[in-house]
């Protein structure tokens, strides 16, 4: 879904929103081997993007939406839920 010429990496919107089904928004980031020291910086970048997308009117209308950041570092994955 394009929102103001920007794209969340994954945005799942339930067809039947009135039944209380929840949506999901995920922002992915990747760090190369040896860049593990930049993890917090990448997580912050992903959080800021999620929050920016969350301010768009099209997404604000989705009352029940889970928001996550996922940062892959070499062979590890760090997932954070944004409240």
PDB file of N, CA and C in Angstrom:
ATOM      1  N   UNK A   1       0.851  -1.187   0.000  1.00  0.00           N
ATOM      2  CA  UNK A   1       0.000   0.000   0.000  1.00  0.00           C
ATOM      3  C   UNK A   1       0.888   1.238   0.000  1.00  0.00           C
ATOM      4  N   UNK A   2       0.688   2.101  -0.947  1.00  0.00           N
ATOM      5  CA  UNK A   2       1.436   3.356  -0.991  1.00  0.00           C
ATOM      6  C   UNK A   2       0.713   4.367  -0.118  1.00  0.00           C
ATOM      7  N   UNK A   3       1.490   5.050   0.725  1.00  0.00           N
ATOM      8  CA  UNK A   3       0.937   6.093   1.581  1.00  0.00           C
ATOM      9  C   UNK A   3       1.809   7.326   1.389  1.00  0.00           C
ATOM     10  N   UNK A   4       1.259   8.331   0.786  1.00  0.00           N
ATOM     11  CA  UNK A   4       1.965   9.587   0.509  1.00  0.00           C
ATOM     12  C   UNK A   4       3.315   9.333  -0.161  1.00  0.00           C
ATOM     13  N   UNK A   5       3.278   8.465  -1.191  1.00  0.00           N
ATOM     14  CA  UNK A   5       4.444   8.120  -2.000  1.00  0.00           C
ATOM     15  C   UNK A   5       5.524   7.377  -1.223  1.00  0.00           C
ATOM     16  N   UNK A   6       5.154   6.762  -0.102  1.00  0.00           N
ATOM     17  CA  UNK A   6       6.071   5.947   0.682  1.00  0.00           C
ATOM     18  C   UNK A   6       5.422   4.591   0.902  1.00  0.00           C
ATOM     19  N   UNK A   7       6.249   3.603   1.184  1.00  0.00           N
ATOM     20  CA  UNK A   7       5.747   2.249   1.323  1.00  0.00           C
ATOM     21  C   UNK A   7       6.262   1.588   2.606  1.00  0.00           C
ATOM     22  N   UNK A   8       5.370   1.180   3.504  1.00  0.00           N
ATOM     23  CA  UNK A   8       5.825   0.298   4.591  1.00  0.00           C
ATOM     24  C   UNK A   8       6.293  -1.013   3.950  1.00  0.00           C
ATOM     25  N   UNK A   9       7.278  -1.677   4.552  1.00  0.00           N
ATOM     26  CA  UNK A   9       7.781  -2.922   3.965  1.00  0.00           C
ATOM     27  C   UNK A   9       6.667  -3.959   3.870  1.00  0.00           C
ATOM     28  N   UNK A  10       5.940  -4.160   4.951  1.00  0.00           N
ATOM     29  CA  UNK A  10       4.772  -5.051   4.923  1.00  0.00           C
ATOM     30  C   UNK A  10       3.638  -4.372   5.671  1.00  0.00           C
ATOM     31  N   UNK A  11       2.482  -4.342   5.049  1.00  0.00           N
ATOM     32  CA  UNK A  11       1.283  -3.803   5.680  1.00  0.00           C
ATOM     33  C   UNK A  11       0.126  -4.729   5.340  1.00  0.00           C
ATOM     34  N   UNK A  12      -0.346  -5.448   6.346  1.00  0.00           N
ATOM     35  CA  UNK A  12      -1.466  -6.371   6.176  1.00  0.00           C
ATOM     36  C   UNK A  12      -2.709  -5.741   6.779  1.00  0.00           C
ATOM     37  N   UNK A  13      -3.724  -5.582   5.951  1.00  0.00           N
ATOM     38  CA  UNK A  13      -4.967  -4.944   6.387  1.00  0.00           C
ATOM     39  C   UNK A  13      -6.093  -5.964   6.265  1.00  0.00           C
ATOM     40  N   UNK A  14      -6.797  -6.248   7.357  1.00  0.00           N
ATOM     41  CA  UNK A  14      -7.895  -7.213   7.268  1.00  0.00           C
ATOM     42  C   UNK A  14      -9.028  -6.683   6.409  1.00  0.00           C
ATOM     43  N   UNK A  15      -9.647  -7.568   5.660  1.00  0.00           N
ATOM     44  CA  UNK A  15     -10.768  -7.170   4.813  1.00  0.00           C
ATOM     45  C   UNK A  15     -11.973  -6.765   5.650  1.00  0.00           C
ATOM     46  N   UNK A  16     -12.201  -7.491   6.731  1.00  0.00           N
ATOM     47  CA  UNK A  16     -13.367  -7.244   7.577  1.00  0.00           C
ATOM     48  C   UNK A  16     -12.913  -6.574   8.882  1.00  0.00           C
ATOM     49  N   UNK A  17     -12.587  -5.320   8.786  1.00  0.00           N
ATOM     50  CA  UNK A  17     -12.088  -4.569   9.942  1.00  0.00           C
ATOM     51  C   UNK A  17     -13.131  -4.410  11.037  1.00  0.00           C
ATOM     52  N   UNK A  18     -14.381  -4.406  10.668  1.00  0.00           N
ATOM     53  CA  UNK A  18     -15.448  -4.194  11.649  1.00  0.00           C
ATOM     54  C   UNK A  18     -15.633  -5.394  12.580  1.00  0.00           C
ATOM     55  N   UNK A  19     -14.982  -6.511  12.287  1.00  0.00           N
ATOM     56  CA  UNK A  19     -15.087  -7.695  13.142  1.00  0.00           C
ATOM     57  C   UNK A  19     -13.972  -7.750  14.185  1.00  0.00           C
ATOM     58  N   UNK A  20     -13.155  -6.713  14.246  1.00  0.00           N
ATOM     59  CA  UNK A  20     -12.101  -6.648  15.259  1.00  0.00           C
ATOM     60  C   UNK A  20     -10.791  -7.298  14.866  1.00  0.00           C
ATOM     61  N   UNK A  21     -10.680  -7.731  13.613  1.00  0.00           N
ATOM     62  CA  UNK A  21      -9.422  -8.321  13.173  1.00  0.00           C
ATOM     63  C   UNK A  21      -8.332  -7.253  13.187  1.00  0.00           C
ATOM     64  N   UNK A  22      -7.129  -7.689  13.461  1.00  0.00           N
ATOM     65  CA  UNK A  22      -6.018  -6.756  13.589  1.00  0.00           C
ATOM     66  C   UNK A  22      -5.159  -6.746  12.316  1.00  0.00           C
ATOM     67  N   UNK A  23      -4.574  -5.588  12.048  1.00  0.00           N
ATOM     68  CA  UNK A  23      -3.639  -5.457  10.946  1.00  0.00           C
ATOM     69  C   UNK A  23      -2.210  -5.580  11.462  1.00  0.00           C
ATOM     70  N   UNK A  24      -1.260  -5.663  10.550  1.00  0.00           N
ATOM     71  CA  UNK A  24       0.152  -5.787  10.914  1.00  0.00           C
ATOM     72  C   UNK A  24       0.975  -4.903   9.981  1.00  0.00           C
ATOM     73  N   UNK A  25       1.897  -4.145  10.584  1.00  0.00           N
ATOM     74  CA  UNK A  25       2.852  -3.350   9.809  1.00  0.00           C
ATOM     75  C   UNK A  25       4.257  -3.731  10.281  1.00  0.00           C
ATOM     76  N   UNK A  26       5.130  -4.051   9.326  1.00  0.00           N
ATOM     77  CA  UNK A  26       6.492  -4.467   9.659  1.00  0.00           C
ATOM     78  C   UNK A  26       7.475  -3.660   8.824  1.00  0.00           C
ATOM     79  N   UNK A  27       8.507  -3.166   9.484  1.00  0.00           N
ATOM     80  CA  UNK A  27       9.593  -2.459   8.808  1.00  0.00           C
ATOM     81  C   UNK A  27      10.870  -3.283   8.993  1.00  0.00           C
ATOM     82  N   UNK A  28      11.497  -3.670   7.875  1.00  0.00           N
ATOM     83  CA  UNK A  28      12.696  -4.491   7.910  1.00  0.00           C
ATOM     84  C   UNK A  28      13.952  -3.653   7.678  1.00  0.00           C
ATOM     85  N   UNK A  29      15.010  -4.038   8.378  1.00  0.00           N
ATOM     86  CA  UNK A  29      16.338  -3.450   8.153  1.00  0.00           C
ATOM     87  C   UNK A  29      17.346  -4.589   8.168  1.00  0.00           C
ATOM     88  N   UNK A  30      18.490  -4.376   7.544  1.00  0.00           N
ATOM     89  CA  UNK A  30      19.525  -5.391   7.458  1.00  0.00           C
ATOM     90  C   UNK A  30      20.876  -4.754   7.724  1.00  0.00           C
ATOM     91  N   UNK A  31      21.706  -5.468   8.489  1.00  0.00           N
ATOM     92  CA  UNK A  31      23.077  -5.046   8.725  1.00  0.00           C
ATOM     93  C   UNK A  31      24.012  -6.141   8.235  1.00  0.00           C
ATOM     94  N   UNK A  32      25.100  -5.753   7.609  1.00  0.00           N
ATOM     95  CA  UNK A  32      26.081  -6.712   7.123  1.00  0.00           C
ATOM     96  C   UNK A  32      26.913  -7.257   8.278  1.00  0.00           C
ATOM     97  N   UNK A  33      27.554  -8.361   8.018  1.00  0.00           N
ATOM     98  CA  UNK A  33      28.451  -8.955   9.005  1.00  0.00           C
ATOM     99  C   UNK A  33      29.506  -7.923   9.412  1.00  0.00           C
ATOM    100  N   UNK A  34      29.715  -7.785  10.688  1.00  0.00           N
ATOM    101  CA  UNK A  34      30.684  -6.813  11.187  1.00  0.00           C
ATOM    102  C   UNK A  34      30.071  -5.469  11.538  1.00  0.00           C
ATOM    103  N   UNK A  35      28.775  -5.274  11.240  1.00  0.00           N
ATOM    104  CA  UNK A  35      28.114  -4.005  11.542  1.00  0.00           C
ATOM    105  C   UNK A  35      27.190  -4.117  12.760  1.00  0.00           C
ATOM    106  N   UNK A  36      27.398  -5.141  13.579  1.00  0.00           N
ATOM    107  CA  UNK A  36      26.536  -5.367  14.730  1.00  0.00           C
ATOM    108  C   UNK A  36      26.459  -4.161  15.659  1.00  0.00           C
ATOM    109  N   UNK A  37      27.517  -3.363  15.674  1.00  0.00           N
ATOM    110  CA  UNK A  37      27.551  -2.180  16.543  1.00  0.00           C
ATOM    111  C   UNK A  37      26.545  -1.106  16.107  1.00  0.00           C
ATOM    112  N   UNK A  38      25.960  -1.242  14.932  1.00  0.00           N
ATOM    113  CA  UNK A  38      24.983  -0.274  14.433  1.00  0.00           C
ATOM    114  C   UNK A  38      23.542  -0.734  14.670  1.00  0.00           C
ATOM    115  N   UNK A  39      23.357  -1.791  15.473  1.00  0.00           N
ATOM    116  CA  UNK A  39      22.031  -2.357  15.698  1.00  0.00           C
ATOM    117  C   UNK A  39      21.057  -1.325  16.253  1.00  0.00           C
ATOM    118  N   UNK A  40      21.433  -0.647  17.323  1.00  0.00           N
ATOM    119  CA  UNK A  40      20.524   0.336  17.938  1.00  0.00           C
ATOM    120  C   UNK A  40      20.166   1.449  16.957  1.00  0.00           C
ATOM    121  N   UNK A  41      21.114   1.865  16.162  1.00  0.00           N
ATOM    122  CA  UNK A  41      20.870   2.914  15.164  1.00  0.00           C
ATOM    123  C   UNK A  41      19.848   2.446  14.123  1.00  0.00           C
ATOM    124  N   UNK A  42      19.989   1.202  13.653  1.00  0.00           N
ATOM    125  CA  UNK A  42      19.047   0.664  12.666  1.00  0.00           C
ATOM    126  C   UNK A  42      17.664   0.467  13.273  1.00  0.00           C
ATOM    127  N   UNK A  43      17.605   0.002  14.533  1.00  0.00           N
ATOM    128  CA  UNK A  43      16.315  -0.160  15.197  1.00  0.00           C
ATOM    129  C   UNK A  43      15.622   1.190  15.327  1.00  0.00           C
ATOM    130  N   UNK A  44      16.380   2.208  15.685  1.00  0.00           N
ATOM    131  CA  UNK A  44      15.814   3.547  15.821  1.00  0.00           C
ATOM    132  C   UNK A  44      15.293   4.044  14.471  1.00  0.00           C
ATOM    133  N   UNK A  45      16.051   3.814  13.416  1.00  0.00           N
ATOM    134  CA  UNK A  45      15.637   4.217  12.069  1.00  0.00           C
ATOM    135  C   UNK A  45      14.318   3.521  11.683  1.00  0.00           C
ATOM    136  N   UNK A  46      14.223   2.240  11.977  1.00  0.00           N
ATOM    137  CA  UNK A  46      13.005   1.491  11.667  1.00  0.00           C
ATOM    138  C   UNK A  46      11.825   1.991  12.505  1.00  0.00           C
ATOM    139  N   UNK A  47      12.052   2.269  13.795  1.00  0.00           N
ATOM    140  CA  UNK A  47      10.988   2.807  14.665  1.00  0.00           C
ATOM    141  C   UNK A  47      10.476   4.131  14.134  1.00  0.00           C
ATOM    142  N   UNK A  48      11.381   4.992  13.724  1.00  0.00           N
ATOM    143  CA  UNK A  48      10.986   6.306  13.205  1.00  0.00           C
ATOM    144  C   UNK A  48      10.146   6.157  11.942  1.00  0.00           C
ATOM    145  N   UNK A  49      10.504   5.215  11.081  1.00  0.00           N
ATOM    146  CA  UNK A  49       9.717   5.002   9.866  1.00  0.00           C
ATOM    147  C   UNK A  49       8.327   4.486  10.207  1.00  0.00           C
ATOM    148  N   UNK A  50       8.249   3.539  11.137  1.00  0.00           N
ATOM    149  CA  UNK A  50       6.948   2.991  11.556  1.00  0.00           C
ATOM    150  C   UNK A  50       6.081   4.108  12.130  1.00  0.00           C
ATOM    151  N   UNK A  51       6.664   4.942  12.970  1.00  0.00           N
ATOM    152  CA  UNK A  51       5.895   6.039  13.574  1.00  0.00           C
ATOM    153  C   UNK A  51       5.454   7.040  12.513  1.00  0.00           C
ATOM    154  N   UNK A  52       6.308   7.307  11.539  1.00  0.00           N
ATOM    155  CA  UNK A  52       5.952   8.222  10.447  1.00  0.00           C
ATOM    156  C   UNK A  52       4.778   7.659   9.653  1.00  0.00           C
ATOM    157  N   UNK A  53       4.846   6.376   9.302  1.00  0.00           N
ATOM    158  CA  UNK A  53       3.744   5.762   8.566  1.00  0.00           C
ATOM    159  C   UNK A  53       2.465   5.775   9.398  1.00  0.00           C
ATOM    160  N   UNK A  54       2.599   5.573  10.700  1.00  0.00           N
ATOM    161  CA  UNK A  54       1.443   5.553  11.593  1.00  0.00           C
ATOM    162  C   UNK A  54       0.714   6.881  11.677  1.00  0.00           C
ATOM    163  N   UNK A  55       1.357   7.963  11.278  1.00  0.00           N
ATOM    164  CA  UNK A  55       0.736   9.281  11.291  1.00  0.00           C
ATOM    165  C   UNK A  55      -0.078   9.568  10.031  1.00  0.00           C
ATOM    166  N   UNK A  56       0.093   8.761   8.996  1.00  0.00           N
ATOM    167  CA  UNK A  56      -0.665   8.960   7.766  1.00  0.00           C
ATOM    168  C   UNK A  56      -2.131   8.637   8.021  1.00  0.00           C
ATOM    169  N   UNK A  57      -2.998   9.432   7.473  1.00  0.00           N
ATOM    170  CA  UNK A  57      -4.442   9.288   7.703  1.00  0.00           C
ATOM    171  C   UNK A  57      -4.948   7.899   7.326  1.00  0.00           C
ATOM    172  N   UNK A  58      -4.434   7.352   6.217  1.00  0.00           N
ATOM    173  CA  UNK A  58      -4.885   6.031   5.769  1.00  0.00           C
ATOM    174  C   UNK A  58      -4.592   4.950   6.798  1.00  0.00           C
ATOM    175  N   UNK A  59      -3.481   5.112   7.516  1.00  0.00           N
ATOM    176  CA  UNK A  59      -3.096   4.109   8.514  1.00  0.00           C
ATOM    177  C   UNK A  59      -3.713   4.429   9.868  1.00  0.00           C
ATOM    178  N   UNK A  60      -3.895   5.709  10.182  1.00  0.00           N
ATOM    179  CA  UNK A  60      -4.558   6.086  11.436  1.00  0.00           C
ATOM    180  C   UNK A  60      -5.962   5.488  11.517  1.00  0.00           C
ATOM    181  N   UNK A  61      -6.607   5.336  10.372  1.00  0.00           N
ATOM    182  CA  UNK A  61      -7.952   4.771  10.327  1.00  0.00           C
ATOM    183  C   UNK A  61      -7.980   3.317  10.785  1.00  0.00           C
ATOM    184  N   UNK A  62      -6.842   2.649  10.729  1.00  0.00           N
ATOM    185  CA  UNK A  62      -6.755   1.257  11.168  1.00  0.00           C
ATOM    186  C   UNK A  62      -6.530   1.236  12.674  1.00  0.00           C
ATOM    187  N   UNK A  63      -7.583   1.082  13.424  1.00  0.00           N
ATOM    188  CA  UNK A  63      -7.502   1.179  14.886  1.00  0.00           C
ATOM    189  C   UNK A  63      -6.697   0.044  15.506  1.00  0.00           C
ATOM    190  N   UNK A  64      -6.867  -1.162  15.005  1.00  0.00           N
ATOM    191  CA  UNK A  64      -6.196  -2.325  15.571  1.00  0.00           C
ATOM    192  C   UNK A  64      -5.073  -2.771  14.650  1.00  0.00           C
ATOM    193  N   UNK A  65      -3.865  -2.286  14.925  1.00  0.00           N
ATOM    194  CA  UNK A  65      -2.736  -2.659  14.085  1.00  0.00           C
ATOM    195  C   UNK A  65      -1.510  -2.894  14.958  1.00  0.00           C
ATOM    196  N   UNK A  66      -0.890  -4.038  14.741  1.00  0.00           N
ATOM    197  CA  UNK A  66       0.373  -4.346  15.410  1.00  0.00           C
ATOM    198  C   UNK A  66       1.491  -3.783  14.553  1.00  0.00           C
ATOM    199  N   UNK A  67       2.508  -3.222  15.218  1.00  0.00           N
ATOM    200  CA  UNK A  67       3.630  -2.620  14.501  1.00  0.00           C
ATOM    201  C   UNK A  67       4.926  -3.239  15.013  1.00  0.00           C
ATOM    202  N   UNK A  68       5.779  -3.669  14.074  1.00  0.00           N
ATOM    203  CA  UNK A  68       7.026  -4.328  14.433  1.00  0.00           C
ATOM    204  C   UNK A  68       8.183  -3.795  13.601  1.00  0.00           C
ATOM    205  N   UNK A  69       9.365  -3.814  14.215  1.00  0.00           N
ATOM    206  CA  UNK A  69      10.600  -3.619  13.476  1.00  0.00           C
ATOM    207  C   UNK A  69      11.344  -4.940  13.509  1.00  0.00           C
ATOM    208  N   UNK A  70      12.008  -5.265  12.407  1.00  0.00           N
ATOM    209  CA  UNK A  70      12.802  -6.481  12.320  1.00  0.00           C
ATOM    210  C   UNK A  70      14.152  -6.083  11.736  1.00  0.00           C
ATOM    211  N   UNK A  71      15.214  -6.340  12.503  1.00  0.00           N
ATOM    212  CA  UNK A  71      16.563  -6.044  12.031  1.00  0.00           C
ATOM    213  C   UNK A  71      17.337  -7.360  11.978  1.00  0.00           C
ATOM    214  N   UNK A  72      17.831  -7.690  10.797  1.00  0.00           N
ATOM    215  CA  UNK A  72      18.646  -8.883  10.616  1.00  0.00           C
ATOM    216  C   UNK A  72      20.111  -8.478  10.651  1.00  0.00           C
ATOM    217  N   UNK A  73      20.864  -9.180  11.496  1.00  0.00           N
ATOM    218  CA  UNK A  73      22.296  -8.928  11.617  1.00  0.00           C
ATOM    219  C   UNK A  73      22.993 -10.270  11.432  1.00  0.00           C
ATOM    220  N   UNK A  74      23.595 -10.425  10.274  1.00  0.00           N
ATOM    221  CA  UNK A  74      24.290 -11.659   9.955  1.00  0.00           C
ATOM    222  C   UNK A  74      23.350 -12.850  10.119  1.00  0.00           C
ATOM    223  N   UNK A  75      23.471 -13.642  11.181  1.00  0.00           N
ATOM    224  CA  UNK A  75      22.612 -14.810  11.369  1.00  0.00           C
ATOM    225  C   UNK A  75      21.639 -14.649  12.534  1.00  0.00           C
ATOM    226  N   UNK A  76      21.429 -13.418  13.011  1.00  0.00           N
ATOM    227  CA  UNK A  76      20.511 -13.151  14.109  1.00  0.00           C
ATOM    228  C   UNK A  76      19.415 -12.181  13.643  1.00  0.00           C
ATOM    229  N   UNK A  77      18.238 -12.322  14.263  1.00  0.00           N
ATOM    230  CA  UNK A  77      17.127 -11.443  13.926  1.00  0.00           C
ATOM    231  C   UNK A  77      16.604 -10.816  15.212  1.00  0.00           C
ATOM    232  N   UNK A  78      16.447  -9.502  15.210  1.00  0.00           N
ATOM    233  CA  UNK A  78      15.953  -8.762  16.363  1.00  0.00           C
ATOM    234  C   UNK A  78      14.583  -8.169  16.010  1.00  0.00           C
ATOM    235  N   UNK A  79      13.583  -8.541  16.796  1.00  0.00           N
ATOM    236  CA  UNK A  79      12.221  -8.088  16.555  1.00  0.00           C
ATOM    237  C   UNK A  79      11.793  -7.215  17.724  1.00  0.00           C
ATOM    238  N   UNK A  80      11.170  -6.106  17.416  1.00  0.00           N
ATOM    239  CA  UNK A  80      10.688  -5.168  18.434  1.00  0.00           C
ATOM    240  C   UNK A  80       9.254  -4.781  18.106  1.00  0.00           C
ATOM    241  N   UNK A  81       8.386  -4.864  19.101  1.00  0.00           N
ATOM    242  CA  UNK A  81       7.008  -4.414  18.904  1.00  0.00           C
ATOM    243  C   UNK A  81       6.921  -2.946  19.286  1.00  0.00           C
ATOM    244  N   UNK A  82       6.303  -2.161  18.434  1.00  0.00           N
ATOM    245  CA  UNK A  82       6.136  -0.730  18.659  1.00  0.00           C
ATOM    246  C   UNK A  82       4.722  -0.517  19.202  1.00  0.00           C
ATOM    247  N   UNK A  83       4.627   0.134  20.320  1.00  0.00           N
ATOM    248  CA  UNK A  83       3.316   0.401  20.948  1.00  0.00           C
ATOM    249  C   UNK A  83       2.867   1.805  20.642  1.00  0.00           C
TER     250      UNK A  83
END
